Amino acid sequence: MKSSNPVSFMGAKIASLTASKEGELFLMSFFTAKERKTLWHRFQIIELLLKGVSQRDIAEQLGISLSQVSRGSAELQFGTGAQFFKSFLSSEL
């Protein structure tokens, strides 16, 4: 299972999941409870930023540090995934 690009390899494997139950099993199997919570916070941060909620309000609502929210904000503004996040999460808004 050698791959010159691990991110591409993992992305392809995740994309091959065909049902939400498979996605749940993947998340439960590969990530600790703390990692899943962190990942969930990241989803929420991006979603709330896209809705126009201030960084301070997000930190307060989620009970996390402002620096965690700032990371999500920077990714939306300057990161390579900015357009992806907007389209990926926009259907949920």
Protein backbone atom coordinates (compact mmCIF):
# COMPACT_ATOMS: atom_id res chain seq x y z
CA MET A 1 0.00 0.00 0.00
CA LYS A 2 2.70 2.44 -0.98
CA SER A 3 1.52 5.77 -2.27
CA SER A 4 3.57 8.70 -3.38
CA ASN A 5 0.70 10.96 -2.38
CA PRO A 6 -0.98 9.78 0.84
CA VAL A 7 -3.58 12.56 0.77
CA SER A 8 -4.74 11.53 -2.70
CA PHE A 9 -4.81 7.89 -1.66
CA MET A 10 -6.87 8.59 1.46
CA GLY A 11 -9.13 11.01 -0.39
CA ALA A 12 -9.91 8.35 -3.00
CA LYS A 13 -10.67 5.80 -0.30
CA ILE A 14 -13.00 8.20 1.53
CA ALA A 15 -14.70 9.16 -1.73
CA SER A 16 -15.37 5.49 -2.43
CA LEU A 17 -17.67 5.23 0.59
CA THR A 18 -21.18 4.79 -0.73
CA ALA A 19 -23.42 5.15 2.31
CA SER A 20 -23.56 7.42 5.34
CA LYS A 21 -23.29 4.34 7.60
CA GLU A 22 -19.93 3.58 5.97
CA GLY A 23 -18.86 7.15 6.67
CA GLU A 24 -19.90 6.82 10.30
CA LEU A 25 -18.00 3.54 10.63
CA PHE A 26 -14.94 5.14 9.05
CA LEU A 27 -15.02 8.08 11.48
CA MET A 28 -15.61 5.86 14.50
CA SER A 29 -12.83 3.46 13.48
CA PHE A 30 -10.12 5.91 12.46
CA PHE A 31 -10.53 8.79 14.89
CA THR A 32 -10.62 9.04 18.67
CA ALA A 33 -13.54 10.76 20.35
CA LYS A 34 -11.37 13.85 20.84
CA GLU A 35 -10.32 13.89 17.17
CA ARG A 36 -13.95 13.54 16.05
CA LYS A 37 -14.93 16.44 18.31
CA THR A 38 -12.15 18.60 16.84
CA LEU A 39 -13.22 17.68 13.31
CA TRP A 40 -16.84 18.51 14.16
CA HIS A 41 -15.77 21.89 15.55
CA ARG A 42 -13.94 22.60 12.29
CA PHE A 43 -17.09 21.86 10.29
CA GLN A 44 -19.11 24.11 12.58
CA ILE A 45 -16.53 26.92 12.42
CA ILE A 46 -16.54 26.98 8.62
CA GLU A 47 -20.33 26.77 8.47
CA LEU A 48 -20.80 29.63 10.94
CA LEU A 49 -18.16 31.77 9.23
CA LEU A 50 -19.96 31.26 5.91
CA LYS A 51 -23.17 32.44 7.61
CA GLY A 52 -21.38 35.64 8.68
CA VAL A 53 -21.12 34.90 12.41
CA SER A 54 -18.22 36.75 14.05
CA GLN A 55 -15.16 34.84 15.17
CA ARG A 56 -15.70 35.85 18.79
CA ASP A 57 -19.32 34.68 18.73
CA ILE A 58 -18.28 31.36 17.21
CA ALA A 59 -15.63 30.80 19.87
CA GLU A 60 -18.18 31.57 22.56
CA GLN A 61 -20.92 29.39 21.02
CA LEU A 62 -18.64 26.39 20.61
CA GLY A 63 -16.65 26.88 23.80
CA ILE A 64 -13.33 26.94 21.97
CA SER A 65 -10.43 29.37 21.69
CA LEU A 66 -10.47 32.30 19.31
CA SER A 67 -7.25 30.97 17.74
CA GLN A 68 -9.08 27.80 16.67
CA VAL A 69 -11.69 29.93 14.93
CA SER A 70 -9.01 32.13 13.36
CA ARG A 71 -7.46 29.07 11.72
CA GLY A 72 -10.76 28.28 10.01
CA SER A 73 -11.17 31.87 8.96
CA ALA A 74 -7.69 31.98 7.44
CA GLU A 75 -8.38 28.77 5.51
CA LEU A 76 -11.56 30.28 4.08
CA GLN A 77 -9.84 33.52 3.10
CA PHE A 78 -6.46 32.32 1.90
CA GLY A 79 -6.35 28.53 1.84
CA THR A 80 -6.39 26.29 -1.15
CA GLY A 81 -9.65 24.77 0.03
CA ALA A 82 -11.58 28.02 0.30
CA GLN A 83 -13.80 27.45 -2.75
CA PHE A 84 -14.20 23.80 -1.85
CA PHE A 85 -15.48 24.61 1.64
CA LYS A 86 -17.93 27.15 0.29
CA SER A 87 -19.44 24.70 -2.21
CA PHE A 88 -19.19 21.63 0.05
CA LEU A 89 -21.01 23.24 2.96
CA SER A 90 -23.27 25.64 1.06
CA SER A 91 -25.89 22.95 0.45
CA GLU A 92 -26.27 22.65 4.21
CA LEU A 93 -26.70 26.38 4.89
